[in-house]
Amino acid sequence: IEEEAKKANIYSNNVKYEPKLVILGEHSIISGLEEA
């Protein structure tokens, strides 16, 4: 979320802030988040 990145001072012009695709079972994110 772009607004949250700016508030936290971690905003980067090189990042596209938008919802992230997760294909469940692909294990492209940390396991605890995927399990949730």
PDB file of all heavy atoms in Angstrom:
ATOM      1  N   ILE A   1       0.842  -1.195   0.000  1.00  0.00           N
ATOM      2  CA  ILE A   1       0.000   0.000   0.000  1.00  0.00           C
ATOM      3  C   ILE A   1       0.881   1.250   0.000  1.00  0.00           C
ATOM      4  O   ILE A   1       1.677   1.466   0.924  1.00  0.00           O
ATOM      5  CB  ILE A   1      -0.931   0.008   1.227  1.00  0.00           C
ATOM      6  CG1 ILE A   1      -1.774  -1.286   1.240  1.00  0.00           C
ATOM      7  CG2 ILE A   1      -1.827   1.238   1.226  1.00  0.00           C
ATOM      8  CD1 ILE A   1      -2.508  -1.531   2.533  1.00  0.00           C
ATOM      9  N   GLU A   2       0.767   2.064  -1.037  1.00  0.00           N
ATOM     10  CA  GLU A   2       1.639   3.228  -1.211  1.00  0.00           C
ATOM     11  C   GLU A   2       1.569   4.180  -0.014  1.00  0.00           C
ATOM     12  O   GLU A   2       2.606   4.645   0.480  1.00  0.00           O
ATOM     13  CB  GLU A   2       1.261   3.970  -2.493  1.00  0.00           C
ATOM     14  CG  GLU A   2       2.155   5.156  -2.806  1.00  0.00           C
ATOM     15  CD  GLU A   2       1.854   5.778  -4.156  1.00  0.00           C
ATOM     16  OE1 GLU A   2       1.291   5.086  -5.028  1.00  0.00           O
ATOM     17  OE2 GLU A   2       2.185   6.965  -4.335  1.00  0.00           O
ATOM     18  N   GLU A   3       0.376   4.493   0.460  1.00  0.00           N
ATOM     19  CA  GLU A   3       0.216   5.432   1.569  1.00  0.00           C
ATOM     20  C   GLU A   3       0.924   4.927   2.820  1.00  0.00           C
ATOM     21  O   GLU A   3       1.575   5.695   3.546  1.00  0.00           O
ATOM     22  CB  GLU A   3      -1.268   5.642   1.859  1.00  0.00           C
ATOM     23  CG  GLU A   3      -1.544   6.637   2.985  1.00  0.00           C
ATOM     24  CD  GLU A   3      -3.031   6.797   3.261  1.00  0.00           C
ATOM     25  OE1 GLU A   3      -3.860   6.273   2.484  1.00  0.00           O
ATOM     26  OE2 GLU A   3      -3.356   7.443   4.269  1.00  0.00           O
ATOM     27  N   GLU A   4       0.825   3.615   3.074  1.00  0.00           N
ATOM     28  CA  GLU A   4       1.489   3.040   4.251  1.00  0.00           C
ATOM     29  C   GLU A   4       3.008   3.088   4.104  1.00  0.00           C
ATOM     30  O   GLU A   4       3.734   3.310   5.076  1.00  0.00           O
ATOM     31  CB  GLU A   4       1.030   1.593   4.457  1.00  0.00           C
ATOM     32  CG  GLU A   4      -0.432   1.435   4.812  1.00  0.00           C
ATOM     33  CD  GLU A   4      -0.757   1.989   6.200  1.00  0.00           C
ATOM     34  OE1 GLU A   4       0.168   2.158   7.006  1.00  0.00           O
ATOM     35  OE2 GLU A   4      -1.949   2.239   6.473  1.00  0.00           O
ATOM     36  N   ALA A   5       3.494   2.879   2.886  1.00  0.00           N
ATOM     37  CA  ALA A   5       4.938   2.943   2.642  1.00  0.00           C
ATOM     38  C   ALA A   5       5.467   4.345   2.912  1.00  0.00           C
ATOM     39  O   ALA A   5       6.540   4.522   3.511  1.00  0.00           O
ATOM     40  CB  ALA A   5       5.246   2.525   1.211  1.00  0.00           C
ATOM     41  N   LYS A   6       4.725   5.342   2.493  1.00  0.00           N
ATOM     42  CA  LYS A   6       5.154   6.720   2.718  1.00  0.00           C
ATOM     43  C   LYS A   6       5.129   7.063   4.206  1.00  0.00           C
ATOM     44  O   LYS A   6       6.046   7.721   4.716  1.00  0.00           O
ATOM     45  CB  LYS A   6       4.261   7.675   1.925  1.00  0.00           C
ATOM     46  CG  LYS A   6       4.507   7.609   0.422  1.00  0.00           C
ATOM     47  CD  LYS A   6       3.584   8.534  -0.357  1.00  0.00           C
ATOM     48  CE  LYS A   6       3.898   8.495  -1.855  1.00  0.00           C
ATOM     49  NZ  LYS A   6       2.973   9.339  -2.640  1.00  0.00           N
ATOM     50  N   LYS A   7       4.100   6.613   4.916  1.00  0.00           N
ATOM     51  CA  LYS A   7       4.014   6.893   6.354  1.00  0.00           C
ATOM     52  C   LYS A   7       5.163   6.239   7.107  1.00  0.00           C
ATOM     53  O   LYS A   7       5.644   6.778   8.101  1.00  0.00           O
ATOM     54  CB  LYS A   7       2.674   6.404   6.906  1.00  0.00           C
ATOM     55  CG  LYS A   7       1.490   7.275   6.528  1.00  0.00           C
ATOM     56  CD  LYS A   7       0.269   7.009   7.397  1.00  0.00           C
ATOM     57  CE  LYS A   7      -0.251   5.612   7.239  1.00  0.00           C
ATOM     58  NZ  LYS A   7      -1.524   5.407   7.987  1.00  0.00           N
ATOM     59  N   ALA A   8       5.600   5.068   6.630  1.00  0.00           N
ATOM     60  CA  ALA A   8       6.664   4.329   7.317  1.00  0.00           C
ATOM     61  C   ALA A   8       8.056   4.717   6.824  1.00  0.00           C
ATOM     62  O   ALA A   8       9.056   4.158   7.278  1.00  0.00           O
ATOM     63  CB  ALA A   8       6.450   2.831   7.125  1.00  0.00           C
ATOM     64  N   ASN A   9       8.119   5.671   5.869  1.00  0.00           N
ATOM     65  CA  ASN A   9       9.391   6.120   5.296  1.00  0.00           C
ATOM     66  C   ASN A   9      10.158   4.992   4.601  1.00  0.00           C
ATOM     67  O   ASN A   9      11.393   4.936   4.649  1.00  0.00           O
ATOM     68  CB  ASN A   9      10.284   6.770   6.372  1.00  0.00           C
ATOM     69  CG  ASN A   9       9.711   8.077   6.868  1.00  0.00           C
ATOM     70  OD1 ASN A   9       9.208   8.883   6.098  1.00  0.00           O
ATOM     71  ND2 ASN A   9       9.776   8.277   8.181  1.00  0.00           N
ATOM     72  N   ILE A  10       9.422   4.083   3.969  1.00  0.00           N
ATOM     73  CA  ILE A  10      10.076   3.022   3.198  1.00  0.00           C
ATOM     74  C   ILE A  10       9.649   3.089   1.728  1.00  0.00           C
ATOM     75  O   ILE A  10       9.909   2.161   0.961  1.00  0.00           O
ATOM     76  CB  ILE A  10       9.773   1.632   3.776  1.00  0.00           C
ATOM     77  CG1 ILE A  10       8.262   1.345   3.746  1.00  0.00           C
ATOM     78  CG2 ILE A  10      10.340   1.477   5.169  1.00  0.00           C
ATOM     79  CD1 ILE A  10       7.916  -0.105   4.063  1.00  0.00           C
ATOM     80  N   TYR A  11       9.011   4.183   1.343  1.00  0.00           N
ATOM     81  CA  TYR A  11       8.522   4.317  -0.037  1.00  0.00           C
ATOM     82  C   TYR A  11       9.684   4.324  -1.020  1.00  0.00           C
ATOM     83  O   TYR A  11      10.733   4.919  -0.776  1.00  0.00           O
ATOM     84  CB  TYR A  11       7.717   5.602  -0.186  1.00  0.00           C
ATOM     85  CG  TYR A  11       7.267   5.869  -1.604  1.00  0.00           C
ATOM     86  CD1 TYR A  11       6.148   5.240  -2.122  1.00  0.00           C
ATOM     87  CD2 TYR A  11       7.979   6.748  -2.433  1.00  0.00           C
ATOM     88  CE1 TYR A  11       5.741   5.472  -3.437  1.00  0.00           C
ATOM     89  CE2 TYR A  11       7.574   6.989  -3.736  1.00  0.00           C
ATOM     90  CZ  TYR A  11       6.458   6.340  -4.225  1.00  0.00           C
ATOM     91  OH  TYR A  11       6.060   6.573  -5.521  1.00  0.00           O
ATOM     92  N   SER A  12       9.487   3.645  -2.150  1.00  0.00           N
ATOM     93  CA  SER A  12      10.496   3.619  -3.215  1.00  0.00           C
ATOM     94  C   SER A  12       9.822   3.854  -4.556  1.00  0.00           C
ATOM     95  O   SER A  12       8.785   3.253  -4.856  1.00  0.00           O
ATOM     96  CB  SER A  12      11.224   2.268  -3.236  1.00  0.00           C
ATOM     97  OG  SER A  12      12.034   2.163  -4.385  1.00  0.00           O
ATOM     98  N   ASN A  13      10.431   4.708  -5.371  1.00  0.00           N
ATOM     99  CA  ASN A  13       9.911   4.963  -6.717  1.00  0.00           C
ATOM    100  C   ASN A  13      10.017   3.731  -7.611  1.00  0.00           C
ATOM    101  O   ASN A  13       9.354   3.644  -8.644  1.00  0.00           O
ATOM    102  CB  ASN A  13      10.672   6.127  -7.367  1.00  0.00           C
ATOM    103  CG  ASN A  13      10.313   7.464  -6.752  1.00  0.00           C
ATOM    104  OD1 ASN A  13       9.163   7.711  -6.408  1.00  0.00           O
ATOM    105  ND2 ASN A  13      11.317   8.323  -6.593  1.00  0.00           N
ATOM    106  N   ASN A  14      10.860   2.787  -7.231  1.00  0.00           N
ATOM    107  CA  ASN A  14      11.072   1.595  -8.041  1.00  0.00           C
ATOM    108  C   ASN A  14      10.067   0.481  -7.755  1.00  0.00           C
ATOM    109  O   ASN A  14      10.096  -0.554  -8.417  1.00  0.00           O
ATOM    110  CB  ASN A  14      12.491   1.051  -7.806  1.00  0.00           C
ATOM    111  CG  ASN A  14      13.555   2.036  -8.224  1.00  0.00           C
ATOM    112  OD1 ASN A  14      13.402   2.727  -9.230  1.00  0.00           O
ATOM    113  ND2 ASN A  14      14.627   2.131  -7.449  1.00  0.00           N
ATOM    114  N   VAL A  15       9.223   0.701  -6.762  1.00  0.00           N
ATOM    115  CA  VAL A  15       8.242  -0.320  -6.370  1.00  0.00           C
ATOM    116  C   VAL A  15       6.867   0.079  -6.876  1.00  0.00           C
ATOM    117  O   VAL A  15       6.463   1.244  -6.768  1.00  0.00           O
ATOM    118  CB  VAL A  15       8.207  -0.489  -4.836  1.00  0.00           C
ATOM    119  CG1 VAL A  15       7.092  -1.447  -4.423  1.00  0.00           C
ATOM    120  CG2 VAL A  15       9.558  -0.979  -4.327  1.00  0.00           C
ATOM    121  N   LYS A  16       6.138  -0.896  -7.431  1.00  0.00           N
ATOM    122  CA  LYS A  16       4.765  -0.662  -7.849  1.00  0.00           C
ATOM    123  C   LYS A  16       3.853  -1.136  -6.726  1.00  0.00           C
ATOM    124  O   LYS A  16       3.786  -2.337  -6.435  1.00  0.00           O
ATOM    125  CB  LYS A  16       4.451  -1.402  -9.144  1.00  0.00           C
ATOM    126  CG  LYS A  16       3.130  -0.984  -9.769  1.00  0.00           C
ATOM    127  CD  LYS A  16       2.996  -1.506 -11.181  1.00  0.00           C
ATOM    128  CE  LYS A  16       1.732  -0.963 -11.835  1.00  0.00           C
ATOM    129  NZ  LYS A  16       1.595  -1.424 -13.237  1.00  0.00           N
ATOM    130  N   TYR A  17       3.176  -0.199  -6.080  1.00  0.00           N
ATOM    131  CA  TYR A  17       2.329  -0.537  -4.943  1.00  0.00           C
ATOM    132  C   TYR A  17       0.944  -0.933  -5.435  1.00  0.00           C
ATOM    133  O   TYR A  17       0.184  -0.109  -5.944  1.00  0.00           O
ATOM    134  CB  TYR A  17       2.272   0.638  -3.961  1.00  0.00           C
ATOM    135  CG  TYR A  17       3.608   0.901  -3.318  1.00  0.00           C
ATOM    136  CD1 TYR A  17       4.506   1.829  -3.870  1.00  0.00           C
ATOM    137  CD2 TYR A  17       4.014   0.197  -2.200  1.00  0.00           C
ATOM    138  CE1 TYR A  17       5.746   2.043  -3.302  1.00  0.00           C
ATOM    139  CE2 TYR A  17       5.253   0.404  -1.621  1.00  0.00           C
ATOM    140  CZ  TYR A  17       6.112   1.331  -2.177  1.00  0.00           C
ATOM    141  OH  TYR A  17       7.351   1.543  -1.611  1.00  0.00           O
ATOM    142  N   GLU A  18       0.635  -2.206  -5.286  1.00  0.00           N
ATOM    143  CA  GLU A  18      -0.633  -2.756  -5.727  1.00  0.00           C
ATOM    144  C   GLU A  18      -0.810  -4.120  -5.065  1.00  0.00           C
ATOM    145  O   GLU A  18       0.166  -4.693  -4.545  1.00  0.00           O
ATOM    146  CB  GLU A  18      -0.648  -2.913  -7.251  1.00  0.00           C
ATOM    147  CG  GLU A  18       0.418  -3.848  -7.772  1.00  0.00           C
ATOM    148  CD  GLU A  18       0.444  -3.924  -9.297  1.00  0.00           C
ATOM    149  OE1 GLU A  18      -0.327  -3.185  -9.926  1.00  0.00           O
ATOM    150  OE2 GLU A  18       1.236  -4.720  -9.835  1.00  0.00           O
ATOM    151  N   PRO A  19      -2.034  -4.662  -5.051  1.00  0.00           N
ATOM    152  CA  PRO A  19      -2.234  -5.986  -4.453  1.00  0.00           C
ATOM    153  C   PRO A  19      -1.311  -7.028  -5.076  1.00  0.00           C
ATOM    154  O   PRO A  19      -1.060  -7.023  -6.276  1.00  0.00           O
ATOM    155  CB  PRO A  19      -3.712  -6.278  -4.746  1.00  0.00           C
ATOM    156  CG  PRO A  19      -4.347  -4.921  -4.801  1.00  0.00           C
ATOM    157  CD  PRO A  19      -3.316  -4.042  -5.466  1.00  0.00           C
ATOM    158  N   LYS A  20      -0.827  -7.915  -4.243  1.00  0.00           N
ATOM    159  CA  LYS A  20       0.135  -8.940  -4.666  1.00  0.00           C
ATOM    160  C   LYS A  20      -0.592 -10.241  -4.999  1.00  0.00           C
ATOM    161  O   LYS A  20      -1.440 -10.703  -4.237  1.00  0.00           O
ATOM    162  CB  LYS A  20       1.156  -9.196  -3.549  1.00  0.00           C
ATOM    163  CG  LYS A  20       2.162 -10.292  -3.847  1.00  0.00           C
ATOM    164  CD  LYS A  20       3.100 -10.488  -2.668  1.00  0.00           C
ATOM    165  CE  LYS A  20       4.100 -11.620  -2.938  1.00  0.00           C
ATOM    166  NZ  LYS A  20       5.001 -11.329  -4.067  1.00  0.00           N
ATOM    167  N   LEU A  21      -0.219 -10.831  -6.121  1.00  0.00           N
ATOM    168  CA  LEU A  21      -0.771 -12.125  -6.499  1.00  0.00           C
ATOM    169  C   LEU A  21      -0.088 -13.229  -5.697  1.00  0.00           C
ATOM    170  O   LEU A  21       1.138 -13.316  -5.644  1.00  0.00           O
ATOM    171  CB  LEU A  21      -0.564 -12.384  -7.993  1.00  0.00           C
ATOM    172  CG  LEU A  21      -0.882 -13.813  -8.469  1.00  0.00           C
ATOM    173  CD1 LEU A  21      -2.369 -14.113  -8.319  1.00  0.00           C
ATOM    174  CD2 LEU A  21      -0.425 -14.013  -9.905  1.00  0.00           C
ATOM    175  N   VAL A  22      -0.910 -14.087  -5.104  1.00  0.00           N
ATOM    176  CA  VAL A  22      -0.410 -15.291  -4.440  1.00  0.00           C
ATOM    177  C   VAL A  22      -1.115 -16.487  -5.066  1.00  0.00           C
ATOM    178  O   VAL A  22      -2.344 -16.569  -5.045  1.00  0.00           O
ATOM    179  CB  VAL A  22      -0.679 -15.261  -2.923  1.00  0.00           C
ATOM    180  CG1 VAL A  22      -0.208 -16.568  -2.276  1.00  0.00           C
ATOM    181  CG2 VAL A  22       0.009 -14.076  -2.269  1.00  0.00           C
ATOM    182  N   ILE A  23      -0.338 -17.399  -5.643  1.00  0.00           N
ATOM    183  CA  ILE A  23      -0.884 -18.661  -6.123  1.00  0.00           C
ATOM    184  C   ILE A  23      -0.635 -19.676  -5.018  1.00  0.00           C
ATOM    185  O   ILE A  23       0.509 -20.046  -4.747  1.00  0.00           O
ATOM    186  CB  ILE A  23      -0.218 -19.104  -7.439  1.00  0.00           C
ATOM    187  CG1 ILE A  23      -0.336 -18.010  -8.507  1.00  0.00           C
ATOM    188  CG2 ILE A  23      -0.843 -20.405  -7.937  1.00  0.00           C
ATOM    189  CD1 ILE A  23       0.422 -18.326  -9.796  1.00  0.00           C
ATOM    190  N   LEU A  24      -1.692 -20.087  -4.354  1.00  0.00           N
ATOM    191  CA  LEU A  24      -1.527 -20.943  -3.183  1.00  0.00           C
ATOM    192  C   LEU A  24      -0.917 -22.291  -3.563  1.00  0.00           C
ATOM    193  O   LEU A  24      -1.333 -22.925  -4.537  1.00  0.00           O
ATOM    194  CB  LEU A  24      -2.866 -21.136  -2.485  1.00  0.00           C
ATOM    195  CG  LEU A  24      -3.397 -19.863  -1.806  1.00  0.00           C
ATOM    196  CD1 LEU A  24      -4.808 -20.056  -1.291  1.00  0.00           C
ATOM    197  CD2 LEU A  24      -2.471 -19.422  -0.671  1.00  0.00           C
ATOM    198  N   GLY A  25       0.081 -22.685  -2.812  1.00  0.00           N
ATOM    199  CA  GLY A  25       0.819 -23.903  -3.111  1.00  0.00           C
ATOM    200  C   GLY A  25       2.091 -23.656  -3.879  1.00  0.00           C
ATOM    201  O   GLY A  25       2.937 -24.542  -4.002  1.00  0.00           O
ATOM    202  N   GLU A  26       2.260 -22.433  -4.381  1.00  0.00           N
ATOM    203  CA  GLU A  26       3.474 -22.096  -5.125  1.00  0.00           C
ATOM    204  C   GLU A  26       4.625 -21.792  -4.174  1.00  0.00           C
ATOM    205  O   GLU A  26       5.793 -21.864  -4.550  1.00  0.00           O
ATOM    206  CB  GLU A  26       3.211 -20.886  -6.030  1.00  0.00           C
ATOM    207  CG  GLU A  26       4.354 -20.552  -6.966  1.00  0.00           C
ATOM    208  CD  GLU A  26       4.105 -19.298  -7.781  1.00  0.00           C
ATOM    209  OE1 GLU A  26       3.362 -18.413  -7.321  1.00  0.00           O
ATOM    210  OE2 GLU A  26       4.658 -19.205  -8.889  1.00  0.00           O
ATOM    211  N   HIS A  27       4.292 -21.421  -2.943  1.00  0.00           N
ATOM    212  CA  HIS A  27       5.287 -21.108  -1.902  1.00  0.00           C
ATOM    213  C   HIS A  27       6.171 -19.926  -2.280  1.00  0.00           C
ATOM    214  O   HIS A  27       7.384 -19.937  -2.067  1.00  0.00           O
ATOM    215  CB  HIS A  27       6.150 -22.330  -1.589  1.00  0.00           C
ATOM    216  CG  HIS A  27       5.366 -23.586  -1.321  1.00  0.00           C
ATOM    217  ND1 HIS A  27       4.328 -23.622  -0.404  1.00  0.00           N
ATOM    218  CD2 HIS A  27       5.438 -24.829  -1.857  1.00  0.00           C
ATOM    219  CE1 HIS A  27       3.811 -24.843  -0.383  1.00  0.00           C
ATOM    220  NE2 HIS A  27       4.456 -25.583  -1.259  1.00  0.00           N
ATOM    221  N   SER A  28       5.548 -18.898  -2.852  1.00  0.00           N
ATOM    222  CA  SER A  28       6.287 -17.701  -3.250  1.00  0.00           C
ATOM    223  C   SER A  28       6.370 -16.671  -2.125  1.00  0.00           C
ATOM    224  O   SER A  28       7.037 -15.646  -2.274  1.00  0.00           O
ATOM    225  CB  SER A  28       5.623 -17.061  -4.477  1.00  0.00           C
ATOM    226  OG  SER A  28       4.293 -16.665  -4.172  1.00  0.00           O
ATOM    227  N   ILE A  29       5.673 -16.923  -1.018  1.00  0.00           N
ATOM    228  CA  ILE A  29       5.721 -16.043   0.148  1.00  0.00           C
ATOM    229  C   ILE A  29       6.102 -16.877   1.361  1.00  0.00           C
ATOM    230  O   ILE A  29       6.140 -18.113   1.284  1.00  0.00           O
ATOM    231  CB  ILE A  29       4.357 -15.339   0.385  1.00  0.00           C
ATOM    232  CG1 ILE A  29       3.241 -16.385   0.526  1.00  0.00           C
ATOM    233  CG2 ILE A  29       4.057 -14.374  -0.752  1.00  0.00           C
ATOM    234  CD1 ILE A  29       1.889 -15.796   0.868  1.00  0.00           C
ATOM    235  N   ILE A  30       6.371 -16.224   2.475  1.00  0.00           N
ATOM    236  CA  ILE A  30       6.774 -16.967   3.665  1.00  0.00           C
ATOM    237  C   ILE A  30       5.654 -17.921   4.087  1.00  0.00           C
ATOM    238  O   ILE A  30       4.466 -17.634   3.925  1.00  0.00           O
ATOM    239  CB  ILE A  30       7.169 -16.025   4.818  1.00  0.00           C
ATOM    240  CG1 ILE A  30       6.010 -15.101   5.197  1.00  0.00           C
ATOM    241  CG2 ILE A  30       8.408 -15.225   4.450  1.00  0.00           C
ATOM    242  CD1 ILE A  30       6.305 -14.245   6.426  1.00  0.00           C
ATOM    243  N   SER A  31       6.044 -19.067   4.639  1.00  0.00           N
ATOM    244  CA  SER A  31       5.082 -20.147   4.878  1.00  0.00           C
ATOM    245  C   SER A  31       3.995 -19.754   5.868  1.00  0.00           C
ATOM    246  O   SER A  31       2.832 -20.142   5.712  1.00  0.00           O
ATOM    247  CB  SER A  31       5.815 -21.396   5.362  1.00  0.00           C
ATOM    248  OG  SER A  31       6.454 -21.172   6.615  1.00  0.00           O
ATOM    249  N   GLY A  32       4.335 -18.974   6.904  1.00  0.00           N
ATOM    250  CA  GLY A  32       3.338 -18.586   7.888  1.00  0.00           C
ATOM    251  C   GLY A  32       2.236 -17.723   7.306  1.00  0.00           C
ATOM    252  O   GLY A  32       1.058 -17.853   7.678  1.00  0.00           O
ATOM    253  N   LEU A  33       2.599 -16.858   6.363  1.00  0.00           N
ATOM    254  CA  LEU A  33       1.596 -16.015   5.708  1.00  0.00           C
ATOM    255  C   LEU A  33       0.738 -16.847   4.769  1.00  0.00           C
ATOM    256  O   LEU A  33      -0.484 -16.697   4.724  1.00  0.00           O
ATOM    257  CB  LEU A  33       2.279 -14.872   4.948  1.00  0.00           C
ATOM    258  CG  LEU A  33       1.347 -13.916   4.206  1.00  0.00           C
ATOM    259  CD1 LEU A  33       0.356 -13.262   5.152  1.00  0.00           C
ATOM    260  CD2 LEU A  33       2.156 -12.852   3.471  1.00  0.00           C
ATOM    261  N   GLU A  34       1.364 -17.741   4.008  1.00  0.00           N
ATOM    262  CA  GLU A  34       0.598 -18.588   3.092  1.00  0.00           C
ATOM    263  C   GLU A  34      -0.387 -19.469   3.859  1.00  0.00           C
ATOM    264  O   GLU A  34      -1.548 -19.621   3.463  1.00  0.00           O
ATOM    265  CB  GLU A  34       1.539 -19.447   2.248  1.00  0.00           C
ATOM    266  CG  GLU A  34       0.816 -20.233   1.167  1.00  0.00           C
ATOM    267  CD  GLU A  34       1.759 -20.929   0.201  1.00  0.00           C
ATOM    268  OE1 GLU A  34       2.814 -21.421   0.656  1.00  0.00           O
ATOM    269  OE2 GLU A  34       1.446 -20.987  -1.000  1.00  0.00           O
ATOM    270  N   GLU A  35       0.057 -20.038   4.973  1.00  0.00           N
ATOM    271  CA  GLU A  35      -0.832 -20.867   5.791  1.00  0.00           C
ATOM    272  C   GLU A  35      -2.038 -20.067   6.275  1.00  0.00           C
ATOM    273  O   GLU A  35      -3.163 -20.580   6.305  1.00  0.00           O
ATOM    274  CB  GLU A  35      -0.065 -21.429   6.988  1.00  0.00           C
ATOM    275  CG  GLU A  35       0.937 -22.509   6.627  1.00  0.00           C
ATOM    276  CD  GLU A  35       1.797 -22.926   7.812  1.00  0.00           C
ATOM    277  OE1 GLU A  35       1.491 -22.504   8.950  1.00  0.00           O
ATOM    278  OE2 GLU A  35       2.772 -23.676   7.609  1.00  0.00           O
ATOM    279  N   ALA A  36      -1.817 -18.814   6.659  1.00  0.00           N
ATOM    280  CA  ALA A  36      -2.911 -17.973   7.140  1.00  0.00           C
ATOM    281  C   ALA A  36      -3.919 -17.686   6.030  1.00  0.00           C
ATOM    282  O   ALA A  36      -5.135 -17.676   6.267  1.00  0.00           O
ATOM    283  CB  ALA A  36      -2.357 -16.669   7.702  1.00  0.00           C
TER     284      ALA A  36
END
